[in-house]
Amino acid sequence: LALGTVRADVERAFGVGFSYPMRGWHTYAAREDGARRFLSLFYADGVLVALEYYVPKLDRAPGLAARDYGAFRLSPGDVALGATTASLDERYTVAVGGPAPVVYAEAYEARFPGGVAYVMGNDGRIERLGLYAAT
């Protein structure tokens, strides 16, 4: 799954997503290594421009049935949910102007031509991955 993927191709592979956490986002429940995760996608003009893969906060998450889509990672770097934030390589720096520390105490970013990747977590554990096209 990559930024720039056409929505019809995503839906052919994943099905139609559930509108969550807000209008415009299309969310799927995934099961990876026995744990429930959410994959939320956002499109502009029918093209994928943002995605987030995260551990849902149980008190607010809808009860979507989880499917096994395989492992999701940010590449390069093979960044995964549940890994330690200390395992991030030099491409990731403390996020500047990125996610507010309301839910996640730690936020890192890696900028690349065409966008930015965010890694967010608490207590040294990665709980959310985000990938956003440049606007």
Protein backbone atom coordinates (compact mmCIF):
# COMPACT_ATOMS: atom_id res chain seq x y z
CA LEU A 1 0.00 0.00 0.00
CA ALA A 2 1.58 3.27 -1.09
CA LEU A 3 0.62 6.91 -1.36
CA GLY A 4 -0.72 7.56 -4.84
CA THR A 5 -2.59 4.23 -5.03
CA VAL A 6 -5.96 4.61 -6.75
CA ARG A 7 -8.94 4.12 -4.41
CA ALA A 8 -10.52 1.48 -6.66
CA ASP A 9 -7.35 -0.64 -6.35
CA VAL A 10 -7.35 -0.31 -2.55
CA GLU A 11 -11.01 -1.29 -2.32
CA ARG A 12 -10.46 -4.23 -4.63
CA ALA A 13 -7.84 -5.53 -2.17
CA PHE A 14 -9.40 -4.46 1.17
CA GLY A 15 -13.09 -3.87 0.47
CA VAL A 16 -14.97 -0.69 1.37
CA GLY A 17 -13.79 0.93 4.60
CA PHE A 18 -15.88 2.09 7.57
CA SER A 19 -16.17 5.88 8.03
CA TYR A 20 -14.01 6.41 11.14
CA PRO A 21 -12.56 8.34 12.99
CA MET A 22 -14.25 11.18 11.07
CA ARG A 23 -15.85 11.88 7.73
CA GLY A 24 -13.44 11.32 4.85
CA TRP A 25 -11.39 8.60 6.53
CA HIS A 26 -11.98 4.96 5.52
CA THR A 27 -11.01 2.49 8.23
CA TYR A 28 -10.36 -1.24 8.33
CA ALA A 29 -9.72 -3.45 11.35
CA ALA A 30 -6.63 -5.61 10.93
CA ARG A 31 -5.28 -8.50 12.96
CA GLU A 32 -1.49 -8.70 13.15
CA ASP A 33 0.29 -11.18 15.41
CA GLY A 34 -3.00 -11.76 17.25
CA ALA A 35 -3.48 -8.07 18.05
CA ARG A 36 -6.24 -5.81 16.71
CA ARG A 37 -5.09 -2.75 14.74
CA PHE A 38 -6.81 -0.09 12.65
CA LEU A 39 -5.80 1.06 9.18
CA SER A 40 -7.34 4.42 8.26
CA LEU A 41 -7.04 5.79 4.72
CA PHE A 42 -7.78 9.20 3.21
CA TYR A 43 -8.19 10.00 -0.48
CA ALA A 44 -8.13 13.17 -2.58
CA ASP A 45 -9.59 12.97 -6.06
CA GLY A 46 -9.72 9.17 -5.77
CA VAL A 47 -6.02 8.82 -4.91
CA LEU A 48 -4.57 7.74 -1.53
CA VAL A 49 -2.92 10.75 0.13
CA ALA A 50 -2.78 9.71 3.79
CA LEU A 51 -2.78 6.56 5.86
CA GLU A 52 -2.51 5.76 9.53
CA TYR A 53 -1.94 2.36 11.12
CA TYR A 54 -2.48 2.28 14.87
CA VAL A 55 -3.47 0.53 18.05
CA PRO A 56 -7.11 1.58 18.57
CA LYS A 57 -8.01 3.13 21.89
CA LEU A 58 -10.55 0.55 23.09
CA ASP A 59 -12.89 2.97 24.83
CA ARG A 60 -13.58 4.84 21.57
CA ALA A 61 -13.03 2.29 18.80
CA PRO A 62 -15.92 0.79 16.82
CA GLY A 63 -16.28 -2.99 16.96
CA LEU A 64 -15.11 -3.70 13.42
CA ALA A 65 -14.30 -7.32 12.57
CA ALA A 66 -10.54 -7.68 12.16
CA ARG A 67 -9.06 -9.37 9.08
CA ASP A 68 -5.53 -10.60 8.51
CA TYR A 69 -3.96 -8.34 5.87
CA GLY A 70 -0.41 -9.32 6.74
CA ALA A 71 2.20 -7.12 8.38
CA PHE A 72 2.28 -3.35 7.85
CA ARG A 73 5.58 -1.49 8.10
CA LEU A 74 6.94 1.93 7.25
CA SER A 75 9.81 1.47 4.82
CA PRO A 76 12.64 2.11 4.65
CA GLY A 77 13.47 1.32 8.21
CA ASP A 78 10.97 -1.51 8.73
CA VAL A 79 9.16 0.49 11.44
CA ALA A 80 6.40 -1.52 13.16
CA LEU A 81 3.74 -1.05 15.82
CA GLY A 82 4.92 -2.36 19.17
CA ALA A 83 8.61 -1.73 18.40
CA THR A 84 10.59 0.61 20.62
CA THR A 85 10.99 4.23 19.64
CA ALA A 86 14.70 3.74 20.42
CA SER A 87 14.87 1.43 17.37
CA LEU A 88 14.18 4.30 14.96
CA ASP A 89 17.16 5.13 12.80
CA GLU A 90 18.67 8.53 11.98
CA ARG A 91 16.00 9.28 9.33
CA TYR A 92 13.52 9.92 12.17
CA THR A 93 13.79 13.13 14.17
CA VAL A 94 11.56 14.65 16.84
CA ALA A 95 8.44 15.91 15.04
CA VAL A 96 8.26 19.67 14.65
CA GLY A 97 4.77 21.07 14.16
CA GLY A 98 3.38 17.55 13.92
CA PRO A 99 0.91 15.69 16.13
CA ALA A 100 0.14 17.32 19.46
CA PRO A 101 1.10 15.29 22.55
CA VAL A 102 -2.55 14.81 23.59
CA VAL A 103 -2.68 11.04 23.03
CA TYR A 104 0.99 10.28 22.29
CA ALA A 105 3.86 11.56 24.40
CA GLU A 106 6.41 10.87 21.66
CA ALA A 107 6.25 11.89 17.99
CA TYR A 108 8.95 11.48 15.34
CA GLU A 109 9.01 12.33 11.66
CA ALA A 110 10.91 11.39 8.55
CA ARG A 111 10.50 13.74 5.62
CA PHE A 112 10.91 12.45 2.08
CA PRO A 113 10.28 13.89 -1.40
CA GLY A 114 6.51 14.08 -1.64
CA GLY A 115 5.54 13.69 2.02
CA VAL A 116 6.22 12.89 5.64
CA ALA A 117 6.06 9.78 7.82
CA TYR A 118 5.15 10.06 11.50
CA VAL A 119 5.83 7.57 14.27
CA MET A 120 3.98 8.15 17.54
CA GLY A 121 4.07 6.34 20.84
CA ASN A 122 4.02 6.27 24.60
CA ASP A 123 6.49 4.93 27.14
CA GLY A 124 9.01 4.07 24.41
CA ARG A 125 6.58 1.89 22.37
CA ILE A 126 5.32 2.71 18.88
CA GLU A 127 1.50 2.87 18.81
CA ARG A 128 0.77 4.78 15.58
CA LEU A 129 2.31 5.11 12.13
CA GLY A 130 1.26 7.82 9.71
CA LEU A 131 2.13 8.54 6.10
CA TYR A 132 1.01 11.79 4.44
CA ALA A 133 1.55 13.17 0.97
CA ALA A 134 2.86 16.72 0.72
CA THR A 135 0.12 19.26 0.12
